[in-house]
Amino acid sequence: MKTIAIILGLSIISFFSVEKIRPNILYGNPKIGDAIDSLNNVLVYYNDHVSTIVGRNVHEGYNIGLKYQCVEFVKRYYYEYYNHKMPDSYGHALSFFNPKCKDGELNKERNLLQYTNPSISKPQVGDLIIMDATLINSYGHVAIISAVNDTEIEIIQQNPGPYGPSRERFKTSNKDNSLWKIDNERILGWLRMQGE
């Protein structure tokens, strides 16, 4: 029994030691607010823990979001890259997905077309991905699709947690050449600029 306790204790210490240095390996010892990635010259900032908040980003009266949360990045990207202001400029990540919208309908709160997972529309670069809540994150998560091919997508994200990468890949499938699915149960759907 004593041996098991020692092994368990060493395992826990090892885990936290490795996890403590992981941001250093990924980004070179970043501090909150340091740029760690970008998409179309819109920067992704390091935020350490998901609950870290260092103020609100407001530009010319438009609420972009809490620095450096996931919502702040996607709204800042859409504002800077597409010159898009969302009618509802508040809300957490999960609030971006309107469960009452059917596949391909306009999400009026965001003024974006909403697609469900699975969808008749293949995900595209620039689409916002909305992820469901988890036991440890009741707010959900949003990211932007940065690359697409016939078998997977890549997302770019801000605030995936202190040990999460700014980019991740997910497999996709196309059932019967009619429905596109991103193979991740947390992904509720994606939002897209009209005319894109």
N, C-alpha and C. Protein backbone atom coordinates (compact mmCIF):
# COMPACT_ATOMS: atom_id res chain seq x y z
N MET A 1 0.82 -1.19 0.00
CA MET A 1 0.00 0.00 0.00
C MET A 1 0.87 1.26 0.00
N LYS A 2 1.96 1.21 0.79
CA LYS A 2 2.86 2.36 0.86
C LYS A 2 3.52 2.60 -0.49
N THR A 3 3.87 1.53 -1.19
CA THR A 3 4.49 1.63 -2.51
C THR A 3 3.53 2.29 -3.51
N ILE A 4 2.27 1.90 -3.45
CA ILE A 4 1.27 2.49 -4.36
C ILE A 4 1.13 3.98 -4.08
N ALA A 5 1.10 4.37 -2.82
CA ALA A 5 1.00 5.79 -2.46
C ALA A 5 2.20 6.58 -2.97
N ILE A 6 3.39 6.00 -2.86
CA ILE A 6 4.61 6.66 -3.34
C ILE A 6 4.56 6.82 -4.86
N ILE A 7 4.17 5.76 -5.55
CA ILE A 7 4.09 5.80 -7.01
C ILE A 7 3.04 6.83 -7.45
N LEU A 8 1.89 6.83 -6.78
CA LEU A 8 0.85 7.80 -7.10
C LEU A 8 1.33 9.23 -6.86
N GLY A 9 1.99 9.46 -5.76
CA GLY A 9 2.52 10.79 -5.45
C GLY A 9 3.54 11.25 -6.47
N LEU A 10 4.45 10.35 -6.85
CA LEU A 10 5.46 10.70 -7.88
C LEU A 10 4.80 10.96 -9.23
N SER A 11 3.76 10.19 -9.54
CA SER A 11 3.04 10.39 -10.81
C SER A 11 2.40 11.76 -10.85
N ILE A 12 1.77 12.17 -9.75
CA ILE A 12 1.12 13.47 -9.70
C ILE A 12 2.15 14.59 -9.82
N ILE A 13 3.26 14.47 -9.12
CA ILE A 13 4.33 15.47 -9.20
C ILE A 13 4.87 15.55 -10.62
N SER A 14 5.09 14.40 -11.25
CA SER A 14 5.60 14.38 -12.63
C SER A 14 4.63 15.03 -13.59
N PHE A 15 3.34 14.70 -13.43
CA PHE A 15 2.32 15.27 -14.31
C PHE A 15 2.33 16.80 -14.24
N PHE A 16 2.28 17.34 -13.03
CA PHE A 16 2.24 18.79 -12.88
C PHE A 16 3.55 19.45 -13.29
N SER A 17 4.66 18.76 -13.14
CA SER A 17 5.94 19.31 -13.59
C SER A 17 5.96 19.43 -15.11
N VAL A 18 5.51 18.37 -15.81
CA VAL A 18 5.48 18.40 -17.27
C VAL A 18 4.46 19.43 -17.74
N GLU A 19 3.26 19.46 -17.14
CA GLU A 19 2.23 20.41 -17.55
C GLU A 19 2.67 21.85 -17.30
N LYS A 20 3.46 22.09 -16.26
CA LYS A 20 3.93 23.44 -15.94
C LYS A 20 4.87 23.97 -17.03
N ILE A 21 5.66 23.10 -17.65
CA ILE A 21 6.60 23.57 -18.66
C ILE A 21 6.04 23.52 -20.08
N ARG A 22 4.85 22.92 -20.27
CA ARG A 22 4.30 22.78 -21.61
C ARG A 22 4.12 24.11 -22.33
N PRO A 23 3.57 25.17 -21.70
CA PRO A 23 3.48 26.44 -22.42
C PRO A 23 4.84 26.94 -22.89
N ASN A 24 5.89 26.67 -22.11
CA ASN A 24 7.24 27.06 -22.52
C ASN A 24 7.65 26.34 -23.78
N ILE A 25 7.29 25.07 -23.90
CA ILE A 25 7.62 24.29 -25.08
C ILE A 25 6.84 24.80 -26.28
N LEU A 26 5.53 25.08 -26.08
CA LEU A 26 4.69 25.53 -27.19
C LEU A 26 5.01 26.95 -27.64
N TYR A 27 5.20 27.86 -26.67
CA TYR A 27 5.27 29.28 -27.02
C TYR A 27 6.48 30.03 -26.48
N GLY A 28 7.37 29.37 -25.73
CA GLY A 28 8.55 30.07 -25.24
C GLY A 28 8.29 30.95 -24.03
N ASN A 29 7.68 30.42 -23.00
CA ASN A 29 7.43 31.12 -21.73
C ASN A 29 6.61 32.40 -21.90
N PRO A 30 5.39 32.27 -22.45
CA PRO A 30 4.58 33.46 -22.69
C PRO A 30 4.00 34.05 -21.41
N LYS A 31 3.67 35.32 -21.50
CA LYS A 31 2.96 36.00 -20.43
C LYS A 31 1.58 36.37 -20.96
N ILE A 32 0.64 36.57 -20.07
CA ILE A 32 -0.72 36.94 -20.48
C ILE A 32 -0.64 38.18 -21.37
N GLY A 33 -1.29 38.09 -22.53
CA GLY A 33 -1.30 39.20 -23.48
C GLY A 33 -0.23 39.12 -24.55
N ASP A 34 0.69 38.13 -24.46
CA ASP A 34 1.70 37.95 -25.50
C ASP A 34 1.07 37.33 -26.75
N ALA A 35 1.42 37.83 -27.94
CA ALA A 35 0.96 37.25 -29.20
C ALA A 35 1.63 35.90 -29.41
N ILE A 36 0.82 34.86 -29.72
CA ILE A 36 1.38 33.52 -29.92
C ILE A 36 1.05 32.94 -31.29
N ASP A 37 0.17 33.59 -32.05
CA ASP A 37 -0.22 33.08 -33.36
C ASP A 37 -0.98 34.20 -34.07
N SER A 38 -1.36 33.97 -35.32
CA SER A 38 -2.19 34.94 -36.03
C SER A 38 -2.85 34.28 -37.23
N LEU A 39 -3.94 34.88 -37.66
CA LEU A 39 -4.63 34.48 -38.89
C LEU A 39 -4.96 35.76 -39.64
N ASN A 40 -4.45 35.86 -40.86
CA ASN A 40 -4.66 37.06 -41.67
C ASN A 40 -4.31 38.34 -40.90
N ASN A 41 -3.19 38.29 -40.21
CA ASN A 41 -2.64 39.41 -39.43
C ASN A 41 -3.48 39.80 -38.21
N VAL A 42 -4.43 38.97 -37.83
CA VAL A 42 -5.18 39.19 -36.58
C VAL A 42 -4.55 38.27 -35.54
N LEU A 43 -4.06 38.87 -34.47
CA LEU A 43 -3.26 38.14 -33.48
C LEU A 43 -4.09 37.31 -32.51
N VAL A 44 -3.50 36.18 -32.10
CA VAL A 44 -4.02 35.34 -31.02
C VAL A 44 -3.12 35.62 -29.82
N TYR A 45 -3.74 35.91 -28.67
CA TYR A 45 -2.98 36.23 -27.47
C TYR A 45 -3.05 35.10 -26.44
N TYR A 46 -1.97 34.94 -25.72
CA TYR A 46 -1.91 33.94 -24.64
C TYR A 46 -2.70 34.45 -23.44
N ASN A 47 -3.46 33.54 -22.79
CA ASN A 47 -4.30 33.94 -21.67
C ASN A 47 -4.09 33.10 -20.42
N ASP A 48 -3.17 32.17 -20.42
CA ASP A 48 -2.90 31.29 -19.29
C ASP A 48 -4.13 30.47 -18.96
N HIS A 49 -4.78 30.70 -17.84
CA HIS A 49 -5.94 29.89 -17.44
C HIS A 49 -7.21 30.42 -18.08
N VAL A 50 -8.16 29.52 -18.38
CA VAL A 50 -9.36 29.93 -19.11
C VAL A 50 -10.17 30.99 -18.39
N SER A 51 -10.05 31.09 -17.08
CA SER A 51 -10.84 32.07 -16.33
C SER A 51 -10.14 33.43 -16.17
N THR A 52 -8.94 33.57 -16.72
CA THR A 52 -8.21 34.83 -16.60
C THR A 52 -8.90 35.93 -17.42
N ILE A 53 -9.16 37.06 -16.78
CA ILE A 53 -9.76 38.21 -17.46
C ILE A 53 -8.95 39.45 -17.07
N VAL A 54 -8.53 40.22 -18.06
CA VAL A 54 -7.71 41.41 -17.80
C VAL A 54 -8.34 42.68 -18.37
N GLY A 55 -9.65 42.71 -18.44
CA GLY A 55 -10.33 43.89 -18.95
C GLY A 55 -11.17 43.57 -20.16
N ARG A 56 -11.82 44.59 -20.69
CA ARG A 56 -12.70 44.43 -21.85
C ARG A 56 -12.12 45.18 -23.04
N ASN A 57 -12.21 44.59 -24.22
CA ASN A 57 -11.77 45.20 -25.46
C ASN A 57 -12.98 45.84 -26.13
N VAL A 58 -12.98 47.16 -26.21
CA VAL A 58 -14.05 47.92 -26.86
C VAL A 58 -13.40 48.82 -27.90
N HIS A 59 -13.94 48.82 -29.11
CA HIS A 59 -13.39 49.66 -30.18
C HIS A 59 -14.51 50.51 -30.76
N GLU A 60 -14.36 51.85 -30.64
CA GLU A 60 -15.34 52.81 -31.15
C GLU A 60 -16.76 52.45 -30.69
N GLY A 61 -16.90 52.09 -29.41
CA GLY A 61 -18.20 51.77 -28.83
C GLY A 61 -18.68 50.35 -29.05
N TYR A 62 -17.98 49.57 -29.87
CA TYR A 62 -18.38 48.18 -30.13
C TYR A 62 -17.66 47.25 -29.17
N ASN A 63 -18.44 46.46 -28.44
CA ASN A 63 -17.89 45.50 -27.48
C ASN A 63 -17.30 44.30 -28.22
N ILE A 64 -15.99 44.17 -28.17
CA ILE A 64 -15.35 43.02 -28.81
C ILE A 64 -15.27 41.85 -27.84
N GLY A 65 -15.08 42.11 -26.57
CA GLY A 65 -15.12 41.02 -25.60
C GLY A 65 -14.09 41.15 -24.50
N LEU A 66 -14.13 40.20 -23.59
CA LEU A 66 -13.20 40.16 -22.47
C LEU A 66 -11.84 39.68 -22.96
N LYS A 67 -10.80 40.47 -22.68
CA LYS A 67 -9.44 40.09 -23.07
C LYS A 67 -9.06 38.86 -22.26
N TYR A 68 -8.42 37.95 -22.67
CA TYR A 68 -8.08 37.40 -23.96
C TYR A 68 -8.81 36.07 -24.10
N GLN A 69 -10.12 36.17 -23.94
CA GLN A 69 -11.00 35.01 -24.02
C GLN A 69 -11.20 34.59 -25.48
N CYS A 70 -11.75 33.39 -25.68
CA CYS A 70 -11.97 32.88 -27.03
C CYS A 70 -12.93 33.76 -27.82
N VAL A 71 -13.98 34.26 -27.16
CA VAL A 71 -14.97 35.12 -27.83
C VAL A 71 -14.31 36.40 -28.34
N GLU A 72 -13.42 36.97 -27.54
CA GLU A 72 -12.74 38.20 -27.94
C GLU A 72 -11.96 38.01 -29.23
N PHE A 73 -11.29 36.88 -29.38
CA PHE A 73 -10.52 36.64 -30.61
C PHE A 73 -11.43 36.53 -31.83
N VAL A 74 -12.48 35.71 -31.76
CA VAL A 74 -13.30 35.51 -32.95
C VAL A 74 -14.04 36.79 -33.34
N LYS A 75 -14.50 37.55 -32.34
CA LYS A 75 -15.19 38.80 -32.66
C LYS A 75 -14.21 39.84 -33.19
N ARG A 76 -13.00 39.88 -32.63
CA ARG A 76 -11.98 40.81 -33.12
C ARG A 76 -11.59 40.44 -34.55
N TYR A 77 -11.46 39.13 -34.83
CA TYR A 77 -11.13 38.69 -36.18
C TYR A 77 -12.23 39.13 -37.15
N TYR A 78 -13.48 38.87 -36.84
CA TYR A 78 -14.57 39.25 -37.74
C TYR A 78 -14.68 40.77 -37.89
N TYR A 79 -14.37 41.50 -36.84
CA TYR A 79 -14.41 42.96 -36.90
C TYR A 79 -13.26 43.50 -37.76
N GLU A 80 -12.06 43.00 -37.55
CA GLU A 80 -10.89 43.50 -38.29
C GLU A 80 -10.82 42.97 -39.71
N TYR A 81 -11.11 41.69 -39.91
CA TYR A 81 -10.93 41.08 -41.23
C TYR A 81 -12.14 41.30 -42.15
N TYR A 82 -13.35 41.17 -41.59
CA TYR A 82 -14.57 41.29 -42.40
C TYR A 82 -15.31 42.62 -42.18
N ASN A 83 -14.85 43.44 -41.22
CA ASN A 83 -15.56 44.66 -40.84
C ASN A 83 -16.99 44.34 -40.40
N HIS A 84 -17.13 43.24 -39.64
CA HIS A 84 -18.43 42.73 -39.22
C HIS A 84 -18.67 43.02 -37.74
N LYS A 85 -19.80 43.67 -37.46
CA LYS A 85 -20.23 43.89 -36.08
C LYS A 85 -21.46 43.02 -35.83
N MET A 86 -21.43 42.27 -34.75
CA MET A 86 -22.54 41.40 -34.40
C MET A 86 -23.63 42.23 -33.72
N PRO A 87 -24.90 42.07 -34.11
CA PRO A 87 -25.99 42.81 -33.47
C PRO A 87 -26.02 42.62 -31.95
N ASP A 88 -25.81 41.38 -31.50
CA ASP A 88 -25.67 41.10 -30.07
C ASP A 88 -24.18 41.00 -29.80
N SER A 89 -23.62 42.04 -29.22
CA SER A 89 -22.16 42.06 -29.04
C SER A 89 -21.72 41.46 -27.70
N TYR A 90 -22.66 40.87 -26.97
CA TYR A 90 -22.32 40.25 -25.68
C TYR A 90 -22.60 38.75 -25.75
N GLY A 91 -22.23 38.06 -24.71
CA GLY A 91 -22.50 36.63 -24.61
C GLY A 91 -21.24 35.80 -24.60
N HIS A 92 -21.35 34.64 -24.00
CA HIS A 92 -20.24 33.69 -23.95
C HIS A 92 -20.27 32.82 -25.21
N ALA A 93 -19.30 31.95 -25.34
CA ALA A 93 -19.14 31.15 -26.55
C ALA A 93 -20.39 30.35 -26.91
N LEU A 94 -20.98 29.69 -25.94
CA LEU A 94 -22.14 28.84 -26.20
C LEU A 94 -23.32 29.64 -26.74
N SER A 95 -23.41 30.92 -26.38
CA SER A 95 -24.52 31.75 -26.84
C SER A 95 -24.42 32.10 -28.32
N PHE A 96 -23.31 31.80 -28.94
CA PHE A 96 -23.16 32.06 -30.38
C PHE A 96 -24.02 31.11 -31.21
N PHE A 97 -24.33 29.94 -30.68
CA PHE A 97 -25.13 28.94 -31.40
C PHE A 97 -26.59 29.07 -30.97
N ASN A 98 -27.46 29.33 -31.94
CA ASN A 98 -28.89 29.43 -31.66
C ASN A 98 -29.55 28.09 -32.01
N PRO A 99 -29.97 27.32 -31.01
CA PRO A 99 -30.54 25.99 -31.28
C PRO A 99 -31.86 26.05 -32.04
N LYS A 100 -32.48 27.25 -32.13
CA LYS A 100 -33.74 27.38 -32.87
C LYS A 100 -33.52 27.57 -34.37
N CYS A 101 -32.30 27.93 -34.76
CA CYS A 101 -31.99 28.11 -36.19
C CYS A 101 -31.83 26.75 -36.87
N LYS A 102 -32.44 26.63 -38.04
CA LYS A 102 -32.26 25.43 -38.84
C LYS A 102 -30.98 25.56 -39.65
N ASP A 103 -30.49 24.44 -40.14
CA ASP A 103 -29.27 24.39 -40.94
C ASP A 103 -29.35 25.36 -42.12
N GLY A 104 -28.42 26.31 -42.18
CA GLY A 104 -28.36 27.28 -43.28
C GLY A 104 -29.15 28.55 -43.07
N GLU A 105 -29.84 28.68 -41.92
CA GLU A 105 -30.62 29.88 -41.64
C GLU A 105 -29.76 30.98 -41.04
N LEU A 106 -30.29 32.20 -41.07
CA LEU A 106 -29.60 33.35 -40.51
C LEU A 106 -29.74 33.35 -38.98
N ASN A 107 -28.60 33.41 -38.31
CA ASN A 107 -28.57 33.61 -36.87
C ASN A 107 -28.60 35.12 -36.67
N LYS A 108 -29.75 35.66 -36.32
CA LYS A 108 -29.95 37.12 -36.28
C LYS A 108 -29.12 37.80 -35.20
N GLU A 109 -28.89 37.13 -34.08
CA GLU A 109 -28.09 37.73 -33.00
C GLU A 109 -26.65 37.99 -33.45
N ARG A 110 -26.15 37.16 -34.35
CA ARG A 110 -24.77 37.30 -34.83
C ARG A 110 -24.69 37.82 -36.26
N ASN A 111 -25.84 37.89 -36.95
CA ASN A 111 -25.92 38.28 -38.36
C ASN A 111 -24.98 37.43 -39.22
N LEU A 112 -25.03 36.13 -38.95
CA LEU A 112 -24.22 35.15 -39.67
C LEU A 112 -25.11 33.95 -40.01
N LEU A 113 -24.80 33.28 -41.11
CA LEU A 113 -25.50 32.04 -41.43
C LEU A 113 -25.04 30.96 -40.47
N GLN A 114 -25.99 30.16 -39.99
CA GLN A 114 -25.66 29.11 -39.03
C GLN A 114 -25.87 27.74 -39.66
N TYR A 115 -24.88 26.88 -39.48
CA TYR A 115 -24.94 25.50 -39.96
C TYR A 115 -24.79 24.56 -38.77
N THR A 116 -25.56 23.49 -38.79
CA THR A 116 -25.51 22.52 -37.70
C THR A 116 -24.49 21.44 -38.02
N ASN A 117 -24.06 20.72 -37.03
CA ASN A 117 -23.13 19.61 -37.21
C ASN A 117 -23.88 18.30 -36.98
N PRO A 118 -24.18 17.54 -38.07
CA PRO A 118 -23.76 17.67 -39.47
C PRO A 118 -24.62 18.69 -40.24
N SER A 119 -24.10 19.05 -41.44
CA SER A 119 -24.74 20.08 -42.24
C SER A 119 -24.69 19.73 -43.72
N ILE A 120 -25.59 20.38 -44.47
CA ILE A 120 -25.55 20.25 -45.93
C ILE A 120 -24.38 21.03 -46.51
N SER A 121 -23.82 21.96 -45.73
CA SER A 121 -22.73 22.82 -46.21
C SER A 121 -21.39 22.40 -45.61
N LYS A 122 -20.43 22.22 -46.48
CA LYS A 122 -19.08 21.88 -46.03
C LYS A 122 -18.47 23.06 -45.26
N PRO A 123 -17.82 22.79 -44.13
CA PRO A 123 -17.14 23.87 -43.40
C PRO A 123 -16.13 24.58 -44.31
N GLN A 124 -15.97 25.89 -44.10
CA GLN A 124 -15.08 26.70 -44.92
C GLN A 124 -14.11 27.48 -44.04
N VAL A 125 -12.97 27.84 -44.64
CA VAL A 125 -12.02 28.72 -43.95
C VAL A 125 -12.74 30.02 -43.59
N GLY A 126 -12.57 30.46 -42.36
CA GLY A 126 -13.20 31.67 -41.88
C GLY A 126 -14.46 31.43 -41.07
N ASP A 127 -15.03 30.23 -41.17
CA ASP A 127 -16.23 29.92 -40.37
C ASP A 127 -15.87 29.90 -38.89
N LEU A 128 -16.82 30.32 -38.06
CA LEU A 128 -16.69 30.19 -36.61
C LEU A 128 -17.19 28.81 -36.22
N ILE A 129 -16.44 28.13 -35.39
CA ILE A 129 -16.85 26.83 -34.85
C ILE A 129 -17.33 27.06 -33.42
N ILE A 130 -18.51 26.52 -33.09
CA ILE A 130 -19.03 26.65 -31.74
C ILE A 130 -19.02 25.28 -31.08
N MET A 131 -18.40 25.23 -29.90
CA MET A 131 -18.30 23.97 -29.15
C MET A 131 -19.18 24.04 -27.90
N ASP A 132 -19.77 22.92 -27.58
CA ASP A 132 -20.66 22.80 -26.43
C ASP A 132 -19.89 22.93 -25.11
N ALA A 133 -20.64 23.12 -24.05
CA ALA A 133 -20.07 23.18 -22.71
C ALA A 133 -19.55 21.81 -22.29
N THR A 134 -18.71 21.81 -21.27
CA THR A 134 -18.23 20.57 -20.65
C THR A 134 -18.47 20.68 -19.15
N LEU A 135 -18.14 19.62 -18.44
CA LEU A 135 -18.30 19.64 -16.98
C LEU A 135 -17.46 20.73 -16.34
N ILE A 136 -16.29 21.01 -16.90
CA ILE A 136 -15.41 22.02 -16.29
C ILE A 136 -15.47 23.38 -17.01
N ASN A 137 -16.25 23.47 -18.10
CA ASN A 137 -16.38 24.73 -18.83
C ASN A 137 -17.83 24.88 -19.28
N SER A 138 -18.63 25.57 -18.50
CA SER A 138 -20.06 25.72 -18.82
C SER A 138 -20.32 26.77 -19.89
N TYR A 139 -19.29 27.49 -20.32
CA TYR A 139 -19.46 28.57 -21.30
C TYR A 139 -19.25 28.14 -22.74
N GLY A 140 -18.77 26.93 -22.97
CA GLY A 140 -18.47 26.50 -24.33
C GLY A 140 -17.19 27.12 -24.85
N HIS A 141 -16.98 27.02 -26.15
CA HIS A 141 -15.75 27.52 -26.77
C HIS A 141 -16.04 27.89 -28.21
N VAL A 142 -15.37 28.91 -28.73
CA VAL A 142 -15.47 29.28 -30.14
C VAL A 142 -14.07 29.42 -30.72
N ALA A 143 -13.97 29.10 -31.99
CA ALA A 143 -12.70 29.18 -32.72
C ALA A 143 -13.01 29.50 -34.17
N ILE A 144 -11.98 29.65 -34.98
CA ILE A 144 -12.14 29.96 -36.40
C ILE A 144 -11.47 28.87 -37.21
N ILE A 145 -12.13 28.45 -38.28
CA ILE A 145 -11.51 27.46 -39.18
C ILE A 145 -10.43 28.17 -39.99
N SER A 146 -9.21 27.64 -39.89
CA SER A 146 -8.07 28.25 -40.58
C SER A 146 -7.62 27.45 -41.80
N ALA A 147 -8.06 26.21 -41.94
CA ALA A 147 -7.71 25.38 -43.11
C ALA A 147 -8.74 24.27 -43.25
N VAL A 148 -9.00 23.87 -44.49
CA VAL A 148 -9.99 22.82 -44.78
C VAL A 148 -9.48 21.98 -45.93
N ASN A 149 -9.65 20.66 -45.83
CA ASN A 149 -9.51 19.78 -46.99
C ASN A 149 -10.66 18.78 -46.94
N ASP A 150 -10.62 17.72 -47.74
CA ASP A 150 -11.75 16.79 -47.80
C ASP A 150 -11.84 15.85 -46.60
N THR A 151 -10.83 15.82 -45.74
CA THR A 151 -10.85 14.86 -44.63
C THR A 151 -10.68 15.49 -43.26
N GLU A 152 -10.34 16.79 -43.20
CA GLU A 152 -10.17 17.42 -41.89
C GLU A 152 -10.22 18.94 -42.00
N ILE A 153 -10.40 19.56 -40.83
CA ILE A 153 -10.30 21.01 -40.72
C ILE A 153 -9.23 21.32 -39.69
N GLU A 154 -8.70 22.53 -39.77
CA GLU A 154 -7.81 23.05 -38.73
C GLU A 154 -8.50 24.28 -38.16
N ILE A 155 -8.45 24.42 -36.83
CA ILE A 155 -8.98 25.62 -36.19
C ILE A 155 -7.85 26.40 -35.55
N ILE A 156 -8.07 27.70 -35.43
CA ILE A 156 -7.19 28.56 -34.67
C ILE A 156 -8.04 29.13 -33.53
N GLN A 157 -7.45 29.17 -32.33
CA GLN A 157 -8.23 29.53 -31.15
C GLN A 157 -7.40 30.31 -30.16
N GLN A 158 -8.11 31.09 -29.38
CA GLN A 158 -7.51 31.82 -28.27
C GLN A 158 -8.10 31.25 -26.99
N ASN A 159 -7.28 31.15 -25.97
CA ASN A 159 -7.70 30.69 -24.65
C ASN A 159 -8.20 29.25 -24.61
N PRO A 160 -7.44 28.29 -25.17
CA PRO A 160 -7.83 26.89 -25.04
C PRO A 160 -7.41 26.31 -23.69
N GLY A 161 -6.85 27.15 -22.83
CA GLY A 161 -6.30 26.71 -21.55
C GLY A 161 -4.80 26.86 -21.58
N PRO A 162 -4.15 26.79 -20.43
CA PRO A 162 -2.72 27.07 -20.38
C PRO A 162 -1.86 26.06 -21.13
N TYR A 163 -2.40 24.89 -21.39
CA TYR A 163 -1.60 23.85 -22.03
C TYR A 163 -2.11 23.49 -23.41
N GLY A 164 -3.15 24.17 -23.86
CA GLY A 164 -3.72 23.87 -25.17
C GLY A 164 -3.01 24.64 -26.27
N PRO A 165 -2.91 24.03 -27.45
CA PRO A 165 -2.28 24.71 -28.58
C PRO A 165 -3.24 25.72 -29.22
N SER A 166 -2.70 26.69 -29.93
CA SER A 166 -3.54 27.67 -30.61
C SER A 166 -4.19 27.06 -31.86
N ARG A 167 -3.68 25.94 -32.34
CA ARG A 167 -4.26 25.28 -33.51
C ARG A 167 -4.52 23.80 -33.21
N GLU A 168 -5.66 23.32 -33.71
CA GLU A 168 -6.01 21.91 -33.58
C GLU A 168 -6.65 21.45 -34.88
N ARG A 169 -6.62 20.14 -35.09
CA ARG A 169 -7.24 19.55 -36.28
C ARG A 169 -8.32 18.56 -35.87
N PHE A 170 -9.40 18.54 -36.68
CA PHE A 170 -10.49 17.59 -36.47
C PHE A 170 -10.82 16.92 -37.79
N LYS A 171 -11.09 15.64 -37.73
CA LYS A 171 -11.49 14.88 -38.92
C LYS A 171 -12.89 15.31 -39.35
N THR A 172 -13.13 15.22 -40.66
CA THR A 172 -14.47 15.47 -41.20
C THR A 172 -14.90 14.26 -42.02
N SER A 173 -16.20 14.12 -42.20
CA SER A 173 -16.73 13.06 -43.05
C SER A 173 -17.89 13.63 -43.85
N ASN A 174 -18.15 13.00 -44.98
CA ASN A 174 -19.23 13.43 -45.86
C ASN A 174 -20.12 12.22 -46.13
N LYS A 175 -21.20 12.10 -45.34
CA LYS A 175 -22.09 10.94 -45.43
C LYS A 175 -22.94 11.01 -46.68
N ASP A 176 -22.82 10.00 -47.52
CA ASP A 176 -23.62 9.88 -48.75
C ASP A 176 -23.52 11.11 -49.65
N ASN A 177 -22.37 11.79 -49.60
CA ASN A 177 -22.17 13.00 -50.39
C ASN A 177 -23.25 14.05 -50.14
N SER A 178 -23.84 14.06 -48.95
CA SER A 178 -24.90 15.03 -48.70
C SER A 178 -24.75 15.77 -47.37
N LEU A 179 -24.19 15.14 -46.35
CA LEU A 179 -24.06 15.79 -45.05
C LEU A 179 -22.60 15.82 -44.61
N TRP A 180 -22.10 17.02 -44.30
CA TRP A 180 -20.74 17.18 -43.79
C TRP A 180 -20.77 17.17 -42.27
N LYS A 181 -19.88 16.38 -41.69
CA LYS A 181 -19.82 16.28 -40.23
C LYS A 181 -18.39 16.49 -39.77
N ILE A 182 -18.22 17.32 -38.75
CA ILE A 182 -16.93 17.44 -38.08
C ILE A 182 -16.97 16.43 -36.95
N ASP A 183 -16.03 15.50 -36.96
CA ASP A 183 -16.05 14.36 -36.05
C ASP A 183 -15.54 14.74 -34.66
N ASN A 184 -16.34 15.56 -33.98
CA ASN A 184 -16.08 15.93 -32.60
C ASN A 184 -17.44 16.22 -31.98
N GLU A 185 -17.81 15.46 -30.98
CA GLU A 185 -19.16 15.57 -30.40
C GLU A 185 -19.42 16.92 -29.75
N ARG A 186 -18.38 17.66 -29.39
CA ARG A 186 -18.59 18.98 -28.78
C ARG A 186 -19.00 20.04 -29.80
N ILE A 187 -18.69 19.83 -31.07
CA ILE A 187 -18.97 20.85 -32.08
C ILE A 187 -20.44 20.86 -32.44
N LEU A 188 -21.11 21.96 -32.09
CA LEU A 188 -22.53 22.12 -32.35
C LEU A 188 -22.79 22.54 -33.79
N GLY A 189 -21.90 23.37 -34.33
CA GLY A 189 -22.07 23.85 -35.68
C GLY A 189 -21.10 24.97 -35.99
N TRP A 190 -21.35 25.67 -37.10
CA TRP A 190 -20.47 26.74 -37.52
C TRP A 190 -21.28 27.90 -38.07
N LEU A 191 -20.69 29.10 -37.98
CA LEU A 191 -21.31 30.33 -38.46
C LEU A 191 -20.47 30.89 -39.59
N ARG A 192 -21.15 31.54 -40.56
CA ARG A 192 -20.44 32.04 -41.76
C ARG A 192 -21.00 33.38 -42.19
N MET A 193 -20.11 34.22 -42.68
CA MET A 193 -20.52 35.48 -43.30
C MET A 193 -21.43 35.18 -44.49
N GLN A 194 -22.47 35.98 -44.68
CA GLN A 194 -23.33 35.82 -45.84
C GLN A 194 -22.53 36.18 -47.08
N GLY A 195 -22.72 35.40 -48.14
CA GLY A 195 -22.02 35.65 -49.40
C GLY A 195 -20.63 35.08 -49.47
N GLU A 196 -20.18 34.39 -48.43
CA GLU A 196 -18.83 33.80 -48.44
C GLU A 196 -18.87 32.41 -49.03
